[in-house]
Amino acid sequence: MQTGHAQRALEIYKQNYTKTGHHDADLIQQIGLSLLDQGFRSTDPEIQLLTIYGAGIATNEKVLYILENGLNNPVPQIQLIALNFLAQYHNDRADEALNKAMSSPFLVIRLEAALHLAEKKYPTIVGQLESLFAKLDEELMPLLPQLFALVGNPSAVKVLKKMLNHSNEQVRIEAILSCAEHGRDDLLSHIRTLATQHGPAQQEACAYALGALKDEKSIPRLEALSISTNSSVRLAALAALYQLGKKESQKRIEQMATKSRDLFAINALADIPGSEPILYELMQSKIQAVKFNAALALLEQKDPHCVKTLLDVLIKDSRDLTFVKSFSPGQGLYAWKIIPSSRQNHNDNPVLLEVSLKMRETVLQKMLDLPEQDFLNIAHTLFEVQQNDLIPILVELLENLQTPAAIKLLKLHQQKAGAPLIRNYCNLALYRLKEKGPYGNNLREWIAKTHDIDFIKFRTLIPWEMREGGSQHQLTPEETSRLLIESFDAFLKTQDDEGIEVLLEAIHKGNPKNKYALAGLLMRASQ
């Protein structure tokens, strides 16, 4: 293997396995490491990408040098992938690599590295963030306040305090919102002062922060802002007053939602129990965005009345809808906008399409909190219409549910004709649940039939400032690729010798480029 004769090495290993009847963990690890090292030395960008991915999923410090070298790759995407995998390690060597990435010629790499170092509270990160901030174009400066708030040490808070008085209004607004997100009530006095200044966007951000930080001293100021002529300021102040116990503000929020069809107000009702009748009424609207945002608000309240409307979100049809999060000027309020014909209009913007898919996945995850039968009906519908982009997350949710009815549904669609992706995802879930049946054999047969397919393909990386629910992001394979990786991973976790043999066979006889990603799994198998 080390002399480049991979095929012959795998043949000899197979003979050894046949002779001894068991796998040799040390040899398997050496085979995986040798394959990754070969990929590491390749000049083919696709092989480099697959090798970085393989090194990342190996979760083995022996391949750290591959990830470190990935930061020097001329392709920014490969640098980003290496960076995200390095961030998952908790040792000085990986942290030092992240630190070096702060010197990358690509701004997106420096920003991503800054995020990870801020999360790790790296000793020198505050000074590095200050240096980066000084070099940024003015329109990018608002990206950094949240990182100082994330670090949260005295030096970072001192800088954050300065940002609350920055000459750039967007920097001030982001600093205010970052204080709210990270619970920095020690800076409340500064936010109170800013709330008295002019500028509707800043006033809105302050109102949102004062409510989030539960600042009862600011109730008089919030009451003054609640009669502002600016609708976003008014709504943010009313929502803050509601959070502070002034329940009478609910009626005024409901009026904004019903009379003005204000999408931000409709979304604000998600946090107000008792607003369901208003949301039911809004769901009857002929305005698509009104109907959709009302259904999302009901979903947050775990109300099953939202199901019919939200199925139109989950199921792609000829309208080809994309869902885009829209923020108010002060960034404290949001609503979802709907864009039709997304592939036609935004095919050159894969990030937008990926954000929309992530939103639909999140909606499906939240539907798990509805009554079980409602969720199972949704799952059955998605299986029937073969909504393949949601099948991986749907099967994972059913698997986690683990109820007799969920398992029955998986078994039903494991036999679905004309839907190989659905069949095999259900096979995978049932195999992982250790249900009796041919599920492991079915997966092995499917893998054997796909040896020659070039299908280790990946979804688009989303910039960290656009990610929902935290900053962590790992490169995710597309549907079929993900099924392959997860199937092998399931075999390895159950110490399935036949599964390991299928993995070796896929490396030996499958698509030559796939083997560099699969080598990472091979290394995991031997740990």
Protein backbone atom coordinates (compact mmCIF):
# COMPACT_ATOMS: atom_id res chain seq x y z
CA MET A 1 0.00 0.00 0.00
CA GLN A 2 2.78 2.45 0.91
CA THR A 3 4.53 1.86 -2.42
CA GLY A 4 1.36 2.83 -4.32
CA HIS A 5 0.03 -0.66 -5.11
CA ALA A 6 -3.35 -0.17 -3.44
CA GLN A 7 -5.26 -2.76 -5.45
CA ARG A 8 -2.72 -5.51 -4.77
CA ALA A 9 -2.57 -4.57 -1.08
CA LEU A 10 -6.34 -4.91 -0.74
CA GLU A 11 -6.30 -8.27 -2.48
CA ILE A 12 -3.65 -9.56 -0.04
CA TYR A 13 -5.63 -8.21 2.93
CA LYS A 14 -8.76 -10.00 1.68
CA GLN A 15 -6.82 -13.26 1.45
CA ASN A 16 -5.57 -12.71 5.00
CA TYR A 17 -9.12 -12.11 6.24
CA THR A 18 -10.36 -15.27 4.52
CA LYS A 19 -7.56 -17.25 6.14
CA THR A 20 -7.89 -15.89 9.70
CA GLY A 21 -11.65 -15.22 9.79
CA HIS A 22 -11.30 -11.85 11.47
CA HIS A 23 -10.23 -8.30 10.63
CA ASP A 24 -6.89 -6.89 11.76
CA ALA A 25 -7.51 -3.43 13.28
CA ASP A 26 -3.89 -2.29 12.95
CA LEU A 27 -3.70 -3.27 9.29
CA ILE A 28 -7.04 -1.61 8.54
CA GLN A 29 -5.82 1.63 10.11
CA GLN A 30 -2.59 1.51 8.12
CA ILE A 31 -4.51 0.90 4.89
CA GLY A 32 -6.79 3.88 5.58
CA LEU A 33 -3.88 6.11 6.53
CA SER A 34 -1.91 5.12 3.41
CA LEU A 35 -4.87 5.88 1.14
CA LEU A 36 -5.39 9.29 2.73
CA ASP A 37 -1.69 10.03 2.39
CA GLN A 38 -1.88 9.19 -1.32
CA GLY A 39 -4.85 11.53 -1.71
CA PHE A 40 -2.94 14.18 0.23
CA ARG A 41 -0.19 14.09 -2.42
CA SER A 42 -2.61 14.35 -5.37
CA THR A 43 -2.91 17.55 -7.43
CA ASP A 44 -6.50 16.77 -8.49
CA PRO A 45 -8.82 19.26 -6.66
CA GLU A 46 -11.64 16.69 -6.44
CA ILE A 47 -9.34 14.10 -4.85
CA GLN A 48 -8.01 16.79 -2.50
CA LEU A 49 -11.58 17.61 -1.43
CA LEU A 50 -12.47 13.96 -0.83
CA THR A 51 -9.22 13.41 1.06
CA ILE A 52 -9.90 16.35 3.37
CA TYR A 53 -13.38 14.98 4.01
CA GLY A 54 -11.97 11.49 4.66
CA ALA A 55 -9.37 12.90 7.06
CA GLY A 56 -12.11 14.85 8.84
CA ILE A 57 -14.47 11.93 9.42
CA ALA A 58 -11.57 9.68 10.48
CA THR A 59 -11.46 11.64 13.79
CA ASN A 60 -7.88 10.46 14.25
CA GLU A 61 -4.95 12.68 15.23
CA LYS A 62 -2.70 10.76 12.83
CA VAL A 63 -4.31 12.63 9.92
CA LEU A 64 -4.09 16.10 11.45
CA TYR A 65 -1.24 16.91 9.07
CA ILE A 66 -3.65 16.48 6.14
CA LEU A 67 -6.15 18.92 7.63
CA GLU A 68 -3.36 21.36 8.49
CA ASN A 69 -2.10 21.22 4.93
CA GLY A 70 -5.65 21.77 3.69
CA LEU A 71 -5.42 25.30 5.07
CA ASN A 72 -2.71 25.99 2.46
CA ASN A 73 -4.83 24.75 -0.45
CA PRO A 74 -5.44 27.39 -3.14
CA VAL A 75 -9.16 26.46 -3.25
CA PRO A 76 -11.06 28.42 -0.53
CA GLN A 77 -13.78 25.73 -0.23
CA ILE A 78 -11.17 23.10 0.67
CA GLN A 79 -9.64 25.48 3.22
CA LEU A 80 -13.08 25.99 4.79
CA ILE A 81 -13.73 22.26 5.06
CA ALA A 82 -10.31 21.64 6.65
CA LEU A 83 -10.92 24.52 9.04
CA ASN A 84 -14.29 23.19 10.20
CA PHE A 85 -12.88 19.72 10.84
CA LEU A 86 -9.87 21.12 12.72
CA ALA A 87 -12.24 23.07 14.96
CA GLN A 88 -13.69 19.77 16.22
CA TYR A 89 -10.37 18.81 17.80
CA HIS A 90 -9.57 19.95 21.32
CA ASN A 91 -5.80 20.06 21.40
CA ASP A 92 -3.06 22.67 21.07
CA ARG A 93 -1.97 21.50 17.63
CA ALA A 94 -5.39 21.98 16.06
CA ASP A 95 -5.84 25.34 17.81
CA GLU A 96 -2.48 26.51 16.49
CA ALA A 97 -3.58 25.58 12.95
CA LEU A 98 -6.73 27.67 13.41
CA ASN A 99 -4.56 30.50 14.66
CA LYS A 100 -2.41 30.33 11.52
CA ALA A 101 -5.56 30.50 9.40
CA MET A 102 -6.03 34.05 10.69
CA SER A 103 -3.25 34.96 8.23
CA SER A 104 -5.06 33.48 5.21
CA PRO A 105 -5.22 35.69 2.10
CA PHE A 106 -8.95 34.88 1.93
CA LEU A 107 -11.16 37.01 4.18
CA VAL A 108 -13.81 34.27 4.45
CA ILE A 109 -11.17 31.94 5.92
CA ARG A 110 -10.02 34.54 8.44
CA LEU A 111 -13.60 35.17 9.53
CA GLU A 112 -14.32 31.44 9.90
CA ALA A 113 -11.11 30.93 11.89
CA ALA A 114 -11.99 33.93 14.07
CA LEU A 115 -15.36 32.36 14.85
CA HIS A 116 -13.83 29.05 15.95
CA LEU A 117 -11.10 30.74 18.02
CA ALA A 118 -13.73 32.93 19.69
CA GLU A 119 -15.75 29.82 20.56
CA LYS A 120 -12.64 28.24 22.04
CA LYS A 121 -11.76 31.45 23.96
CA TYR A 122 -8.29 31.33 22.41
CA PRO A 123 -5.86 33.43 24.52
CA THR A 124 -4.90 35.93 21.82
CA ILE A 125 -8.21 36.12 19.98
CA VAL A 126 -9.31 39.54 21.28
CA GLY A 127 -6.20 41.25 19.90
CA GLN A 128 -6.59 39.35 16.61
CA LEU A 129 -10.22 40.39 16.33
CA GLU A 130 -9.31 44.02 16.94
CA SER A 131 -6.65 43.83 14.24
CA LEU A 132 -9.12 42.20 11.83
CA PHE A 133 -11.78 44.80 12.62
CA ALA A 134 -9.37 47.62 11.79
CA LYS A 135 -8.72 46.13 8.34
CA LEU A 136 -12.34 45.41 7.37
CA ASP A 137 -14.28 47.49 4.89
CA GLU A 138 -16.98 49.47 6.68
CA GLU A 139 -19.85 47.32 5.37
CA LEU A 140 -18.26 44.20 6.91
CA MET A 141 -17.53 45.68 10.34
CA PRO A 142 -20.95 44.62 11.75
CA LEU A 143 -19.85 40.98 11.53
CA LEU A 144 -17.46 41.23 14.49
CA PRO A 145 -19.39 42.48 17.56
CA GLN A 146 -20.98 39.05 18.04
CA LEU A 147 -17.52 37.47 18.19
CA PHE A 148 -16.39 39.81 20.97
CA ALA A 149 -19.61 39.00 22.85
CA LEU A 150 -18.95 35.29 22.29
CA VAL A 151 -15.47 35.54 23.86
CA GLY A 152 -16.95 37.41 26.81
CA ASN A 153 -13.77 38.02 28.82
CA PRO A 154 -13.02 41.50 30.30
CA SER A 155 -10.90 42.54 27.30
CA ALA A 156 -13.61 41.51 24.84
CA VAL A 157 -16.34 43.26 26.84
CA LYS A 158 -14.25 46.44 26.88
CA VAL A 159 -14.13 46.41 23.07
CA LEU A 160 -17.84 45.56 22.86
CA LYS A 161 -18.57 48.59 25.03
CA LYS A 162 -16.65 50.78 22.56
CA MET A 163 -18.65 49.29 19.70
CA LEU A 164 -21.87 50.41 21.38
CA ASN A 165 -20.66 53.97 20.67
CA HIS A 166 -19.15 53.34 17.24
CA SER A 167 -19.74 55.90 14.49
CA ASN A 168 -21.18 53.19 12.22
CA GLU A 169 -24.85 52.65 13.13
CA GLN A 170 -24.83 49.03 11.94
CA VAL A 171 -21.87 48.27 14.22
CA ARG A 172 -23.81 49.78 17.15
CA ILE A 173 -26.89 47.76 16.27
CA GLU A 174 -24.95 44.49 16.06
CA ALA A 175 -23.23 45.27 19.36
CA ILE A 176 -26.63 45.87 20.99
CA LEU A 177 -28.05 42.62 19.61
CA SER A 178 -24.93 40.69 20.62
CA CYS A 179 -25.29 41.95 24.20
CA ALA A 180 -28.87 40.65 24.18
CA GLU A 181 -27.94 37.27 22.71
CA HIS A 182 -25.13 36.65 25.19
CA GLY A 183 -26.88 38.04 28.28
CA ARG A 184 -24.54 40.98 28.82
CA ASP A 185 -26.71 42.79 31.35
CA ASP A 186 -23.53 44.48 32.65
CA LEU A 187 -23.81 46.75 29.61
CA LEU A 188 -27.47 47.61 30.15
CA SER A 189 -26.77 51.20 31.17
CA HIS A 190 -25.17 51.86 27.77
CA ILE A 191 -28.11 50.28 25.92
CA ARG A 192 -30.56 52.40 27.94
CA THR A 193 -28.69 55.52 26.83
CA LEU A 194 -28.72 54.42 23.19
CA ALA A 195 -32.48 53.79 23.44
CA THR A 196 -33.01 57.53 24.09
CA GLN A 197 -31.20 58.57 20.91
CA HIS A 198 -32.78 59.13 17.52
CA GLY A 199 -32.62 56.65 14.68
CA PRO A 200 -35.44 54.10 14.34
CA ALA A 201 -33.18 51.13 13.57
CA GLN A 202 -31.12 51.70 16.71
CA GLN A 203 -34.23 52.29 18.80
CA GLU A 204 -35.71 49.02 17.58
CA ALA A 205 -32.53 47.10 18.41
CA CYS A 206 -32.45 48.66 21.87
CA ALA A 207 -36.11 47.80 22.51
CA TYR A 208 -35.44 44.19 21.54
CA ALA A 209 -32.35 44.00 23.79
CA LEU A 210 -34.07 45.61 26.79
CA GLY A 211 -36.82 42.99 26.57
CA ALA A 212 -34.39 40.10 26.07
CA LEU A 213 -32.32 41.24 29.08
CA LYS A 214 -35.48 41.64 31.20
CA ASP A 215 -34.66 45.24 32.16
CA GLU A 216 -37.63 46.42 34.23
CA LYS A 217 -36.02 49.85 34.73
CA SER A 218 -36.58 50.50 31.03
CA ILE A 219 -40.35 50.02 31.07
CA PRO A 220 -41.09 53.79 30.87
CA ARG A 221 -38.77 54.15 27.88
CA LEU A 222 -40.28 51.10 26.20
CA GLU A 223 -43.76 52.53 26.73
CA ALA A 224 -42.63 55.71 24.98
CA LEU A 225 -41.19 53.69 22.09
CA SER A 226 -44.40 51.66 21.85
CA ILE A 227 -46.19 54.72 20.42
CA SER A 228 -43.46 55.45 17.85
CA THR A 229 -44.55 56.29 14.33
CA ASN A 230 -42.12 53.65 13.08
CA SER A 231 -43.87 50.26 12.99
CA SER A 232 -40.71 48.19 13.68
CA VAL A 233 -39.80 50.31 16.73
CA ARG A 234 -43.37 50.12 17.95
CA LEU A 235 -43.56 46.34 17.57
CA ALA A 236 -40.15 45.68 19.17
CA ALA A 237 -41.15 47.82 22.17
CA LEU A 238 -44.53 46.08 22.52
CA ALA A 239 -42.88 42.64 22.35
CA ALA A 240 -40.36 43.73 25.00
CA LEU A 241 -43.13 45.02 27.26
CA TYR A 242 -44.92 41.68 26.92
CA GLN A 243 -41.72 39.91 27.98
CA LEU A 244 -41.53 42.20 31.01
CA GLY A 245 -45.02 41.21 32.15
CA LYS A 246 -47.09 43.92 30.48
CA LYS A 247 -49.56 41.45 28.97
CA GLU A 248 -51.86 44.23 27.79
CA SER A 249 -49.45 44.83 24.90
CA GLN A 250 -50.68 41.57 23.33
CA LYS A 251 -53.79 43.22 21.89
CA ARG A 252 -51.77 45.91 20.15
CA ILE A 253 -49.43 43.31 18.62
CA GLU A 254 -52.46 41.34 17.42
CA GLN A 255 -53.90 44.51 15.86
CA MET A 256 -50.66 45.09 13.93
CA ALA A 257 -50.84 41.50 12.71
CA THR A 258 -54.50 41.59 11.64
CA LYS A 259 -55.04 45.16 10.45
CA SER A 260 -51.68 45.84 8.81
CA ARG A 261 -50.84 42.21 7.94
CA ASP A 262 -47.40 43.03 9.40
CA LEU A 263 -45.30 39.87 8.89
CA PHE A 264 -42.99 40.77 11.78
CA ALA A 265 -46.01 41.11 14.09
CA ILE A 266 -47.37 37.76 12.92
CA ASN A 267 -44.07 36.10 13.81
CA ALA A 268 -44.03 37.87 17.17
CA LEU A 269 -47.30 36.09 18.04
CA ALA A 270 -45.36 32.82 18.13
CA ASP A 271 -44.18 33.78 21.63
CA ILE A 272 -47.63 34.81 22.88
CA PRO A 273 -49.89 32.02 24.17
CA GLY A 274 -53.56 32.74 23.55
CA SER A 275 -52.97 34.27 20.13
CA GLU A 276 -54.05 31.07 18.35
CA PRO A 277 -57.49 32.37 17.18
CA ILE A 278 -55.80 35.33 15.49
CA LEU A 279 -53.30 33.02 13.81
CA TYR A 280 -56.09 30.69 12.63
CA GLU A 281 -57.73 33.68 10.99
CA LEU A 282 -54.49 34.83 9.37
CA MET A 283 -53.94 31.35 7.94
CA GLN A 284 -57.04 31.89 5.81
CA SER A 285 -55.45 34.89 4.10
CA LYS A 286 -55.04 34.87 0.34
CA ILE A 287 -51.65 36.51 0.79
CA GLN A 288 -49.22 33.62 0.72
CA ALA A 289 -46.60 35.19 3.01
CA VAL A 290 -49.23 36.04 5.64
CA LYS A 291 -50.64 32.52 5.60
CA PHE A 292 -47.20 30.93 5.78
CA ASN A 293 -45.84 33.09 8.62
CA ALA A 294 -49.02 32.49 10.64
CA ALA A 295 -48.56 28.73 10.22
CA LEU A 296 -44.94 28.99 11.39
CA ALA A 297 -46.06 30.93 14.47
CA LEU A 298 -48.56 28.16 15.26
CA LEU A 299 -45.82 25.57 14.82
CA GLU A 300 -43.77 27.34 17.49
CA GLN A 301 -46.81 26.93 19.76
CA LYS A 302 -46.98 23.21 18.83
CA ASP A 303 -50.46 23.67 17.37
CA PRO A 304 -51.35 21.00 14.75
CA HIS A 305 -53.60 23.43 12.84
CA CYS A 306 -50.42 24.50 11.00
CA VAL A 307 -49.88 21.14 9.30
CA LYS A 308 -51.87 21.60 6.09
CA THR A 309 -50.28 24.96 5.30
CA LEU A 310 -46.74 23.86 6.15
CA LEU A 311 -47.00 20.76 3.96
CA ASP A 312 -46.96 23.24 1.06
CA VAL A 313 -43.59 24.39 2.39
CA LEU A 314 -42.15 20.90 2.74
CA ILE A 315 -43.36 19.54 -0.61
CA LYS A 316 -41.72 21.07 -3.66
CA ASP A 317 -44.05 21.56 -6.61
CA SER A 318 -44.16 23.45 -9.91
CA ARG A 319 -44.01 26.79 -8.07
CA ASP A 320 -40.45 25.88 -6.91
CA LEU A 321 -40.61 28.10 -3.83
CA THR A 322 -37.58 29.35 -1.92
CA PHE A 323 -37.87 30.68 1.65
CA VAL A 324 -35.72 33.63 2.67
CA LYS A 325 -35.46 35.13 6.13
CA SER A 326 -36.09 38.87 6.09
CA PHE A 327 -35.03 41.14 8.97
CA SER A 328 -36.34 44.50 10.13
CA PRO A 329 -34.00 47.54 9.93
CA GLY A 330 -32.92 47.04 13.56
CA GLN A 331 -32.45 43.26 13.05
CA GLY A 332 -34.54 42.45 16.13
CA LEU A 333 -37.56 41.21 14.18
CA TYR A 334 -37.80 38.77 11.33
CA ALA A 335 -40.26 37.15 8.93
CA TRP A 336 -40.05 34.65 6.08
CA LYS A 337 -40.49 35.78 2.50
CA ILE A 338 -41.39 33.46 -0.35
CA ILE A 339 -39.66 33.58 -3.74
CA PRO A 340 -41.20 31.57 -6.62
CA SER A 341 -39.27 29.84 -9.44
CA SER A 342 -36.14 29.59 -7.31
CA ARG A 343 -34.11 27.33 -9.60
CA GLN A 344 -34.81 29.57 -12.55
CA ASN A 345 -34.09 32.83 -10.71
CA HIS A 346 -31.39 31.78 -8.23
CA ASN A 347 -29.56 28.85 -9.79
CA ASP A 348 -26.36 30.92 -9.58
CA ASN A 349 -26.85 31.40 -5.82
CA PRO A 350 -26.46 27.94 -4.24
CA VAL A 351 -26.15 29.42 -0.72
CA LEU A 352 -29.69 30.84 -0.97
CA LEU A 353 -31.05 27.46 -2.08
CA GLU A 354 -29.17 25.69 0.73
CA VAL A 355 -30.50 28.15 3.35
CA SER A 356 -34.02 27.46 2.10
CA LEU A 357 -33.48 23.69 2.37
CA LYS A 358 -32.12 24.09 5.91
CA MET A 359 -35.23 26.08 6.80
CA ARG A 360 -37.51 23.29 5.50
CA GLU A 361 -35.48 20.73 7.48
CA THR A 362 -35.89 22.84 10.62
CA VAL A 363 -39.65 23.06 10.08
CA LEU A 364 -39.81 19.27 9.78
CA GLN A 365 -37.77 18.84 12.97
CA LYS A 366 -40.11 21.14 14.89
CA MET A 367 -43.09 19.14 13.64
CA LEU A 368 -41.82 16.27 15.76
CA ASP A 369 -43.21 18.21 18.76
CA LEU A 370 -46.75 17.93 17.36
CA PRO A 371 -48.98 15.01 18.42
CA GLU A 372 -47.38 11.78 17.19
CA GLN A 373 -50.14 10.85 14.77
CA ASP A 374 -49.92 14.26 13.09
CA PHE A 375 -46.18 13.83 12.61
CA LEU A 376 -46.60 10.29 11.27
CA ASN A 377 -49.20 11.53 8.76
CA ILE A 378 -46.73 14.18 7.60
CA ALA A 379 -43.99 11.55 7.29
CA HIS A 380 -46.24 9.22 5.30
CA THR A 381 -47.13 12.05 2.92
CA LEU A 382 -43.47 12.96 2.34
CA PHE A 383 -42.65 9.32 1.65
CA GLU A 384 -45.56 9.01 -0.79
CA VAL A 385 -44.60 12.09 -2.83
CA GLN A 386 -40.91 11.05 -2.68
CA GLN A 387 -39.68 14.37 -1.31
CA ASN A 388 -36.10 13.09 -1.50
CA ASP A 389 -34.27 16.17 -0.21
CA LEU A 390 -36.06 15.74 3.15
CA ILE A 391 -35.83 11.94 3.37
CA PRO A 392 -32.50 11.82 5.32
CA ILE A 393 -33.74 14.09 8.13
CA LEU A 394 -37.23 12.53 8.08
CA VAL A 395 -35.91 8.98 8.56
CA GLU A 396 -33.55 10.20 11.29
CA LEU A 397 -36.49 11.76 13.15
CA LEU A 398 -38.57 8.58 12.87
CA GLU A 399 -35.60 6.55 14.06
CA ASN A 400 -35.18 8.80 17.09
CA LEU A 401 -38.90 8.57 17.82
CA GLN A 402 -38.57 4.78 18.20
CA THR A 403 -42.28 4.23 18.86
CA PRO A 404 -44.06 1.12 17.50
CA ALA A 405 -46.00 3.30 15.04
CA ALA A 406 -42.82 4.99 13.77
CA ILE A 407 -41.11 1.62 13.27
CA LYS A 408 -44.22 0.30 11.50
CA LEU A 409 -44.07 3.26 9.09
CA LEU A 410 -40.38 2.64 8.38
CA LYS A 411 -41.12 -1.02 7.64
CA LEU A 412 -43.97 -0.05 5.33
CA HIS A 413 -41.82 2.27 3.21
CA GLN A 414 -38.80 -0.03 3.34
CA GLN A 415 -40.74 -1.95 0.69
CA LYS A 416 -41.76 1.08 -1.39
CA ALA A 417 -41.52 0.26 -5.10
CA GLY A 418 -39.80 2.74 -7.42
CA ALA A 419 -38.17 4.67 -4.58
CA PRO A 420 -34.69 3.20 -3.93
CA LEU A 421 -33.52 6.15 -1.81
CA ILE A 422 -36.50 5.82 0.53
CA ARG A 423 -36.21 2.04 0.70
CA ASN A 424 -32.57 2.14 1.62
CA TYR A 425 -32.87 4.95 4.15
CA CYS A 426 -35.60 2.94 5.87
CA ASN A 427 -33.34 -0.13 5.69
CA LEU A 428 -30.61 1.89 7.38
CA ALA A 429 -32.86 3.12 10.19
CA LEU A 430 -34.26 -0.36 10.86
CA TYR A 431 -30.76 -1.83 10.86
CA ARG A 432 -29.57 0.78 13.37
CA LEU A 433 -32.64 0.10 15.50
CA LYS A 434 -31.64 -3.59 15.49
CA GLU A 435 -35.01 -4.67 14.16
CA LYS A 436 -35.16 -8.28 12.98
CA GLY A 437 -35.12 -8.54 9.22
CA PRO A 438 -32.98 -8.42 6.08
CA TYR A 439 -32.11 -4.74 6.49
CA GLY A 440 -28.34 -5.08 6.76
CA ASN A 441 -28.23 -7.46 3.80
CA ASN A 442 -30.37 -5.07 1.77
CA LEU A 443 -27.92 -2.24 2.44
CA ARG A 444 -24.93 -4.39 1.53
CA GLU A 445 -26.59 -5.42 -1.74
CA TRP A 446 -27.35 -1.79 -2.59
CA ILE A 447 -23.75 -0.73 -1.91
CA ALA A 448 -22.43 -3.56 -4.08
CA LYS A 449 -24.55 -2.30 -6.99
CA THR A 450 -23.25 1.27 -6.73
CA HIS A 451 -19.49 0.64 -6.82
CA ASP A 452 -18.89 2.54 -10.03
CA ILE A 453 -21.01 5.60 -9.33
CA ASP A 454 -19.22 8.89 -8.67
CA PHE A 455 -21.55 9.95 -5.89
CA ILE A 456 -19.52 11.33 -3.01
CA LYS A 457 -20.97 14.81 -3.55
CA PHE A 458 -21.56 17.55 -1.01
CA ARG A 459 -24.05 20.22 -0.10
CA THR A 460 -23.18 23.90 -0.19
CA LEU A 461 -21.33 25.39 2.78
CA ILE A 462 -23.32 28.23 4.37
CA PRO A 463 -21.36 31.29 5.61
CA TRP A 464 -21.36 31.36 9.42
CA GLU A 465 -23.24 34.65 9.71
CA MET A 466 -26.19 33.04 7.86
CA ARG A 467 -26.37 29.83 9.90
CA GLU A 468 -29.31 29.22 12.19
CA GLY A 469 -29.11 27.77 15.68
CA GLY A 470 -25.42 28.33 16.37
CA SER A 471 -22.29 28.47 14.31
CA GLN A 472 -21.30 24.82 14.05
CA HIS A 473 -21.39 23.46 10.54
CA GLN A 474 -19.98 20.30 9.09
CA LEU A 475 -19.82 19.46 5.43
CA THR A 476 -22.83 17.26 4.67
CA PRO A 477 -23.02 14.86 1.72
CA GLU A 478 -26.01 15.03 -0.63
CA GLU A 479 -28.82 12.50 -0.13
CA THR A 480 -27.35 9.40 -1.80
CA SER A 481 -23.79 10.14 -0.70
CA ARG A 482 -24.99 10.63 2.85
CA LEU A 483 -26.77 7.28 2.72
CA LEU A 484 -23.54 5.57 1.65
CA ILE A 485 -21.46 7.19 4.40
CA GLU A 486 -24.06 6.55 7.10
CA SER A 487 -24.52 2.93 6.01
CA PHE A 488 -20.82 2.21 6.35
CA ASP A 489 -20.77 4.07 9.65
CA ALA A 490 -23.64 1.91 10.94
CA PHE A 491 -21.77 -1.27 9.97
CA LEU A 492 -18.68 -0.06 11.78
CA LYS A 493 -20.54 0.92 14.95
CA THR A 494 -22.14 -2.51 15.19
CA GLN A 495 -18.78 -4.15 14.42
CA ASP A 496 -20.38 -5.85 11.43
CA ASP A 497 -17.55 -7.84 9.76
CA GLU A 498 -19.55 -8.19 6.56
CA GLY A 499 -20.06 -4.43 6.53
CA ILE A 500 -16.33 -3.82 6.86
CA GLU A 501 -15.78 -6.29 4.04
CA VAL A 502 -18.24 -4.34 1.85
CA LEU A 503 -16.37 -1.11 2.70
CA LEU A 504 -13.07 -2.69 1.66
CA GLU A 505 -14.72 -3.97 -1.52
CA ALA A 506 -16.04 -0.48 -2.31
CA ILE A 507 -12.52 0.92 -1.88
CA HIS A 508 -11.04 -1.91 -3.94
CA LYS A 509 -13.47 -2.04 -6.86
CA GLY A 510 -15.57 1.10 -6.60
CA ASN A 511 -15.11 4.53 -8.14
CA PRO A 512 -11.40 5.36 -7.67
CA LYS A 513 -12.06 8.83 -6.28
CA ASN A 514 -14.58 7.67 -3.64
CA LYS A 515 -11.91 5.65 -1.86
CA TYR A 516 -10.28 8.73 -0.36
CA ALA A 517 -13.44 9.64 1.54
CA LEU A 518 -14.10 6.00 2.48
CA ALA A 519 -10.55 5.66 3.81
CA GLY A 520 -11.52 7.94 6.68
CA LEU A 521 -14.28 5.53 7.66
CA LEU A 522 -11.81 2.67 7.43
CA MET A 523 -9.60 4.41 9.98
CA ARG A 524 -12.60 4.95 12.26
CA ALA A 525 -13.34 1.22 12.05
CA SER A 526 -10.03 0.37 13.64
CA GLN A 527 -10.19 2.72 16.65
